Amino acid sequence: GYTEEMNDAIRGRGVFRVALAGAVRLARRNLLPLITIVRTWDDADELATLAGFARVLKEAGCDRPRIKVLPPLPLGRELTRIAGLQRDECVTTAMLDGFDRDLLMCSNSRLVTDRGVWVCPLL
C-alpha cells in the first residue's frame, strides 16, 4: 500500500519507511527507482491507488515516480492471502511455455542490498 499502515500490514512493521527512504536516496542521486507493487486492491480502485503511490513518491522527493504493478503470485506468504487458492496450485515452469523469458526481470536485472546481490528482484 501507499501508506505506512497499508504497506506494513502486508510487508511487516517498518518496511514502508525503509523502502521509501531507499527510493528517495536513489532519486537524490539522479537514479530512477522503479517501485514494484503487488495488486491488492479492487479493480474499481485502480486509478486512485496508482495516483496514491505516485503522490507519496513525489512528496517524498521522487520527481519522476516509476511504478510497476504485479498480480499476486501464488507463492510465499501470498499462499495464505489469496482467497480461494487451492493448496496444489503453484508457479511452475510449464506456465512459461511459449513465453519469452528475456522479458522477465530475472534475465537481466539484479537487486543489490546490504545483505547481498539477489538474482531475481522478486525473491
N, C-alpha and C. Protein backbone atom coordinates (compact mmCIF):
# COMPACT_ATOMS: atom_id res chain seq x y z
N GLY A 1 0.82 -1.19 0.00
CA GLY A 1 0.00 0.00 0.00
C GLY A 1 0.85 1.25 0.00
N TYR A 2 0.24 2.34 -0.34
CA TYR A 2 0.97 3.60 -0.44
C TYR A 2 0.97 4.41 0.86
N THR A 3 0.44 3.83 1.93
CA THR A 3 0.59 4.44 3.25
C THR A 3 1.34 3.45 4.13
N GLU A 4 1.91 3.98 5.18
CA GLU A 4 2.65 3.12 6.10
C GLU A 4 1.75 2.03 6.68
N GLU A 5 0.52 2.40 7.03
CA GLU A 5 -0.40 1.44 7.62
C GLU A 5 -0.75 0.32 6.64
N MET A 6 -1.08 0.69 5.41
CA MET A 6 -1.46 -0.33 4.41
C MET A 6 -0.29 -1.24 4.09
N ASN A 7 0.88 -0.66 3.87
CA ASN A 7 2.05 -1.43 3.47
C ASN A 7 2.53 -2.35 4.59
N ASP A 8 2.67 -1.79 5.77
CA ASP A 8 3.23 -2.57 6.87
C ASP A 8 2.31 -3.70 7.31
N ALA A 9 1.01 -3.56 7.06
CA ALA A 9 0.08 -4.65 7.39
C ALA A 9 0.38 -5.89 6.56
N ILE A 10 0.96 -5.70 5.38
CA ILE A 10 1.29 -6.81 4.49
C ILE A 10 2.77 -7.18 4.61
N ARG A 11 3.65 -6.19 4.56
CA ARG A 11 5.09 -6.44 4.49
C ARG A 11 5.80 -6.52 5.83
N GLY A 12 5.18 -6.00 6.87
CA GLY A 12 5.81 -6.01 8.19
C GLY A 12 6.11 -4.60 8.67
N ARG A 13 6.13 -4.46 9.98
CA ARG A 13 6.32 -3.17 10.61
C ARG A 13 7.65 -2.53 10.21
N GLY A 14 7.59 -1.27 9.80
CA GLY A 14 8.78 -0.51 9.46
C GLY A 14 9.24 -0.63 8.02
N VAL A 15 8.69 -1.56 7.27
CA VAL A 15 9.14 -1.80 5.89
C VAL A 15 8.86 -0.60 5.00
N PHE A 16 7.71 0.03 5.18
CA PHE A 16 7.34 1.18 4.35
C PHE A 16 8.39 2.28 4.44
N ARG A 17 8.77 2.64 5.65
CA ARG A 17 9.73 3.74 5.84
C ARG A 17 11.09 3.40 5.22
N VAL A 18 11.53 2.18 5.40
CA VAL A 18 12.82 1.77 4.85
C VAL A 18 12.79 1.81 3.32
N ALA A 19 11.72 1.27 2.73
CA ALA A 19 11.61 1.24 1.27
C ALA A 19 11.52 2.65 0.70
N LEU A 20 10.72 3.50 1.31
CA LEU A 20 10.57 4.87 0.81
C LEU A 20 11.88 5.63 0.94
N ALA A 21 12.58 5.45 2.05
CA ALA A 21 13.87 6.12 2.24
C ALA A 21 14.87 5.67 1.19
N GLY A 22 14.86 4.39 0.85
CA GLY A 22 15.75 3.88 -0.20
C GLY A 22 15.44 4.49 -1.55
N ALA A 23 14.17 4.61 -1.88
CA ALA A 23 13.78 5.22 -3.16
C ALA A 23 14.21 6.68 -3.20
N VAL A 24 14.06 7.38 -2.10
CA VAL A 24 14.45 8.79 -2.04
C VAL A 24 15.96 8.93 -2.21
N ARG A 25 16.74 8.07 -1.56
CA ARG A 25 18.20 8.13 -1.72
C ARG A 25 18.61 7.93 -3.17
N LEU A 26 17.97 6.99 -3.84
CA LEU A 26 18.27 6.77 -5.26
C LEU A 26 17.91 8.00 -6.09
N ALA A 27 16.74 8.56 -5.85
CA ALA A 27 16.28 9.73 -6.61
C ALA A 27 17.21 10.92 -6.41
N ARG A 28 17.72 11.10 -5.20
CA ARG A 28 18.63 12.22 -4.91
C ARG A 28 19.95 12.09 -5.67
N ARG A 29 20.26 10.89 -6.09
CA ARG A 29 21.48 10.66 -6.86
C ARG A 29 21.19 10.54 -8.35
N ASN A 30 20.03 11.07 -8.73
CA ASN A 30 19.58 11.08 -10.13
C ASN A 30 19.41 9.69 -10.72
N LEU A 31 19.14 8.72 -9.89
CA LEU A 31 18.77 7.39 -10.36
C LEU A 31 17.25 7.32 -10.31
N LEU A 32 16.66 6.58 -11.21
CA LEU A 32 15.21 6.50 -11.28
C LEU A 32 14.74 5.17 -10.69
N PRO A 33 14.38 5.17 -9.41
CA PRO A 33 13.91 3.91 -8.82
C PRO A 33 12.61 3.45 -9.47
N LEU A 34 12.51 2.16 -9.68
CA LEU A 34 11.29 1.54 -10.19
C LEU A 34 10.66 0.80 -9.02
N ILE A 35 9.52 1.28 -8.58
CA ILE A 35 8.84 0.70 -7.43
C ILE A 35 7.89 -0.38 -7.93
N THR A 36 8.13 -1.61 -7.52
CA THR A 36 7.27 -2.72 -7.90
C THR A 36 6.27 -2.96 -6.79
N ILE A 37 5.00 -2.94 -7.16
CA ILE A 37 3.93 -3.14 -6.17
C ILE A 37 3.08 -4.33 -6.59
N VAL A 38 2.46 -4.95 -5.62
CA VAL A 38 1.59 -6.10 -5.88
C VAL A 38 0.14 -5.63 -5.77
N ARG A 39 -0.65 -5.95 -6.76
CA ARG A 39 -2.06 -5.55 -6.77
C ARG A 39 -2.80 -6.25 -5.64
N THR A 40 -3.29 -5.45 -4.69
CA THR A 40 -4.06 -5.97 -3.56
C THR A 40 -5.41 -5.26 -3.45
N TRP A 41 -5.73 -4.43 -4.41
CA TRP A 41 -6.94 -3.61 -4.38
C TRP A 41 -7.93 -4.07 -5.44
N ASP A 42 -9.16 -3.61 -5.31
CA ASP A 42 -10.20 -3.93 -6.29
C ASP A 42 -9.96 -3.15 -7.57
N ASP A 43 -10.42 -3.69 -8.70
CA ASP A 43 -10.26 -3.02 -9.99
C ASP A 43 -10.81 -1.60 -9.97
N ALA A 44 -11.90 -1.38 -9.27
CA ALA A 44 -12.53 -0.06 -9.23
C ALA A 44 -11.62 0.98 -8.56
N ASP A 45 -10.66 0.52 -7.78
CA ASP A 45 -9.75 1.43 -7.06
C ASP A 45 -8.42 1.63 -7.77
N GLU A 46 -8.28 1.09 -8.98
CA GLU A 46 -7.00 1.11 -9.70
C GLU A 46 -6.41 2.52 -9.84
N LEU A 47 -7.16 3.44 -10.44
CA LEU A 47 -6.61 4.78 -10.70
C LEU A 47 -6.29 5.52 -9.41
N ALA A 48 -7.17 5.44 -8.43
CA ALA A 48 -6.93 6.12 -7.16
C ALA A 48 -5.70 5.54 -6.45
N THR A 49 -5.54 4.24 -6.51
CA THR A 49 -4.40 3.60 -5.85
C THR A 49 -3.09 3.99 -6.52
N LEU A 50 -3.04 3.94 -7.84
CA LEU A 50 -1.82 4.33 -8.55
C LEU A 50 -1.51 5.80 -8.31
N ALA A 51 -2.55 6.65 -8.29
CA ALA A 51 -2.34 8.07 -8.00
C ALA A 51 -1.79 8.25 -6.59
N GLY A 52 -2.26 7.43 -5.66
CA GLY A 52 -1.76 7.50 -4.28
C GLY A 52 -0.29 7.16 -4.20
N PHE A 53 0.13 6.11 -4.89
CA PHE A 53 1.55 5.75 -4.92
C PHE A 53 2.37 6.88 -5.53
N ALA A 54 1.93 7.40 -6.66
CA ALA A 54 2.67 8.48 -7.34
C ALA A 54 2.77 9.71 -6.44
N ARG A 55 1.68 10.07 -5.78
CA ARG A 55 1.67 11.25 -4.90
C ARG A 55 2.67 11.09 -3.75
N VAL A 56 2.64 9.94 -3.10
CA VAL A 56 3.55 9.70 -1.97
C VAL A 56 5.00 9.77 -2.43
N LEU A 57 5.30 9.17 -3.56
CA LEU A 57 6.67 9.20 -4.07
C LEU A 57 7.11 10.62 -4.42
N LYS A 58 6.24 11.38 -5.07
CA LYS A 58 6.59 12.77 -5.42
C LYS A 58 6.79 13.61 -4.17
N GLU A 59 5.89 13.48 -3.20
CA GLU A 59 6.01 14.25 -1.96
C GLU A 59 7.28 13.90 -1.20
N ALA A 60 7.77 12.69 -1.35
CA ALA A 60 8.99 12.26 -0.66
C ALA A 60 10.26 12.71 -1.38
N GLY A 61 10.12 13.14 -2.64
CA GLY A 61 11.28 13.61 -3.37
C GLY A 61 11.62 12.85 -4.64
N CYS A 62 10.78 11.91 -5.03
CA CYS A 62 10.98 11.18 -6.29
C CYS A 62 10.18 11.92 -7.37
N ASP A 63 10.85 12.82 -8.09
CA ASP A 63 10.16 13.68 -9.05
C ASP A 63 9.53 12.93 -10.21
N ARG A 64 10.11 11.80 -10.57
CA ARG A 64 9.61 11.02 -11.71
C ARG A 64 9.30 9.59 -11.26
N PRO A 65 8.23 9.41 -10.50
CA PRO A 65 7.93 8.06 -9.98
C PRO A 65 7.64 7.07 -11.10
N ARG A 66 8.27 5.91 -10.98
CA ARG A 66 8.02 4.82 -11.92
C ARG A 66 7.47 3.66 -11.10
N ILE A 67 6.33 3.15 -11.54
CA ILE A 67 5.63 2.11 -10.78
C ILE A 67 5.33 0.93 -11.69
N LYS A 68 5.67 -0.26 -11.21
CA LYS A 68 5.33 -1.50 -11.92
C LYS A 68 4.36 -2.27 -11.04
N VAL A 69 3.24 -2.70 -11.64
CA VAL A 69 2.21 -3.42 -10.89
C VAL A 69 2.28 -4.90 -11.25
N LEU A 70 2.40 -5.75 -10.24
CA LEU A 70 2.39 -7.19 -10.43
C LEU A 70 1.11 -7.78 -9.84
N PRO A 71 0.61 -8.83 -10.45
CA PRO A 71 -0.53 -9.52 -9.82
C PRO A 71 -0.01 -10.31 -8.63
N PRO A 72 -0.88 -10.64 -7.68
CA PRO A 72 -0.43 -11.51 -6.60
C PRO A 72 -0.06 -12.88 -7.16
N LEU A 73 1.10 -13.37 -6.80
CA LEU A 73 1.57 -14.67 -7.28
C LEU A 73 1.39 -15.71 -6.18
N PRO A 74 0.94 -16.90 -6.55
CA PRO A 74 0.71 -17.94 -5.54
C PRO A 74 2.01 -18.58 -5.04
N LEU A 75 2.77 -17.80 -4.26
CA LEU A 75 3.98 -18.32 -3.63
C LEU A 75 4.25 -17.53 -2.36
N GLY A 76 5.05 -18.07 -1.49
CA GLY A 76 5.38 -17.41 -0.23
C GLY A 76 4.16 -17.16 0.63
N ARG A 77 4.17 -16.02 1.34
CA ARG A 77 3.05 -15.67 2.22
C ARG A 77 1.76 -15.43 1.45
N GLU A 78 1.88 -15.16 0.17
CA GLU A 78 0.68 -14.91 -0.64
C GLU A 78 -0.22 -16.15 -0.68
N LEU A 79 0.35 -17.32 -0.46
CA LEU A 79 -0.45 -18.55 -0.43
C LEU A 79 -1.54 -18.48 0.64
N THR A 80 -1.28 -17.75 1.71
CA THR A 80 -2.28 -17.65 2.77
C THR A 80 -3.23 -16.47 2.57
N ARG A 81 -2.91 -15.56 1.65
CA ARG A 81 -3.74 -14.37 1.45
C ARG A 81 -4.70 -14.46 0.28
N ILE A 82 -4.39 -15.27 -0.73
CA ILE A 82 -5.22 -15.34 -1.93
C ILE A 82 -6.46 -16.16 -1.62
N ALA A 83 -7.61 -15.52 -1.69
CA ALA A 83 -8.88 -16.20 -1.40
C ALA A 83 -9.16 -17.26 -2.46
N GLY A 84 -9.58 -18.43 -2.02
CA GLY A 84 -9.97 -19.49 -2.94
C GLY A 84 -8.82 -20.26 -3.56
N LEU A 85 -7.60 -19.95 -3.17
CA LEU A 85 -6.44 -20.63 -3.74
C LEU A 85 -6.38 -22.06 -3.24
N GLN A 86 -6.21 -22.97 -4.16
CA GLN A 86 -6.06 -24.38 -3.80
C GLN A 86 -4.60 -24.63 -3.43
N ARG A 87 -4.37 -25.41 -2.42
CA ARG A 87 -3.01 -25.67 -1.95
C ARG A 87 -2.12 -26.31 -3.01
N ASP A 88 -2.73 -27.01 -3.99
CA ASP A 88 -1.90 -27.65 -5.00
C ASP A 88 -1.59 -26.71 -6.17
N GLU A 89 -2.07 -25.47 -6.12
CA GLU A 89 -1.74 -24.51 -7.16
C GLU A 89 -0.37 -23.92 -6.84
N CYS A 90 0.48 -23.87 -7.83
CA CYS A 90 1.79 -23.27 -7.62
C CYS A 90 2.34 -22.78 -8.95
N VAL A 91 3.36 -21.96 -8.87
CA VAL A 91 4.01 -21.46 -10.07
C VAL A 91 4.94 -22.56 -10.57
N THR A 92 4.82 -22.91 -11.86
CA THR A 92 5.64 -23.97 -12.44
C THR A 92 6.31 -23.49 -13.72
N THR A 93 7.33 -24.21 -14.16
CA THR A 93 7.98 -23.86 -15.41
C THR A 93 7.06 -24.07 -16.60
N ALA A 94 6.07 -24.95 -16.47
CA ALA A 94 5.12 -25.17 -17.56
C ALA A 94 4.35 -23.90 -17.88
N MET A 95 4.20 -23.02 -16.92
CA MET A 95 3.50 -21.76 -17.14
C MET A 95 4.26 -20.84 -18.09
N LEU A 96 5.54 -21.13 -18.29
CA LEU A 96 6.37 -20.30 -19.15
C LEU A 96 6.48 -20.84 -20.57
N ASP A 97 5.82 -21.94 -20.87
CA ASP A 97 5.87 -22.49 -22.22
C ASP A 97 5.38 -21.45 -23.22
N GLY A 98 6.22 -21.16 -24.22
CA GLY A 98 5.86 -20.19 -25.24
C GLY A 98 6.06 -18.74 -24.82
N PHE A 99 6.58 -18.53 -23.63
CA PHE A 99 6.79 -17.18 -23.11
C PHE A 99 8.24 -16.77 -23.31
N ASP A 100 8.48 -15.55 -23.76
CA ASP A 100 9.83 -15.04 -23.95
C ASP A 100 10.44 -14.72 -22.58
N ARG A 101 11.29 -15.59 -22.09
CA ARG A 101 11.87 -15.43 -20.75
C ARG A 101 12.78 -14.22 -20.65
N ASP A 102 13.23 -13.68 -21.77
CA ASP A 102 14.04 -12.47 -21.74
C ASP A 102 13.23 -11.26 -21.25
N LEU A 103 11.92 -11.38 -21.23
CA LEU A 103 11.07 -10.30 -20.72
C LEU A 103 11.02 -10.26 -19.19
N LEU A 104 11.48 -11.32 -18.56
CA LEU A 104 11.48 -11.38 -17.10
C LEU A 104 12.65 -10.58 -16.52
N MET A 105 12.40 -9.90 -15.41
CA MET A 105 13.47 -9.14 -14.76
C MET A 105 14.65 -10.02 -14.41
N CYS A 106 14.37 -11.27 -14.06
CA CYS A 106 15.44 -12.18 -13.64
C CYS A 106 16.46 -12.42 -14.74
N SER A 107 16.08 -12.20 -15.98
CA SER A 107 17.01 -12.47 -17.08
C SER A 107 18.00 -11.34 -17.28
N ASN A 108 17.72 -10.15 -16.73
CA ASN A 108 18.61 -9.02 -17.00
C ASN A 108 18.78 -8.05 -15.84
N SER A 109 18.24 -8.36 -14.67
CA SER A 109 18.31 -7.45 -13.53
C SER A 109 18.83 -8.15 -12.29
N ARG A 110 19.39 -7.38 -11.40
CA ARG A 110 19.82 -7.89 -10.11
C ARG A 110 19.39 -6.88 -9.06
N LEU A 111 19.18 -7.36 -7.85
CA LEU A 111 18.82 -6.50 -6.73
C LEU A 111 20.01 -6.47 -5.79
N VAL A 112 20.55 -5.28 -5.54
CA VAL A 112 21.71 -5.12 -4.68
C VAL A 112 21.24 -4.55 -3.35
N THR A 113 21.53 -5.27 -2.26
CA THR A 113 21.13 -4.83 -0.93
C THR A 113 22.33 -4.90 0.01
N ASP A 114 22.13 -4.45 1.24
CA ASP A 114 23.20 -4.57 2.22
C ASP A 114 23.42 -6.01 2.66
N ARG A 115 22.54 -6.92 2.21
CA ARG A 115 22.66 -8.34 2.54
C ARG A 115 23.16 -9.16 1.35
N GLY A 116 23.47 -8.51 0.24
CA GLY A 116 23.99 -9.24 -0.91
C GLY A 116 23.28 -8.89 -2.19
N VAL A 117 23.61 -9.63 -3.24
CA VAL A 117 23.03 -9.44 -4.57
C VAL A 117 22.08 -10.59 -4.84
N TRP A 118 20.86 -10.27 -5.23
CA TRP A 118 19.84 -11.27 -5.49
C TRP A 118 19.65 -11.40 -7.00
N VAL A 119 19.65 -12.63 -7.48
CA VAL A 119 19.49 -12.90 -8.90
C VAL A 119 18.12 -12.45 -9.39
N CYS A 120 17.10 -12.68 -8.61
CA CYS A 120 15.74 -12.32 -9.01
C CYS A 120 15.22 -11.24 -8.08
N PRO A 121 14.92 -10.05 -8.61
CA PRO A 121 14.41 -8.97 -7.77
C PRO A 121 13.09 -9.30 -7.09
N LEU A 122 12.40 -10.36 -7.52
CA LEU A 122 11.12 -10.71 -6.91
C LEU A 122 11.27 -11.58 -5.68
N LEU A 123 12.44 -12.14 -5.46
CA LEU A 123 12.62 -13.06 -4.32
C LEU A 123 12.89 -12.31 -3.03
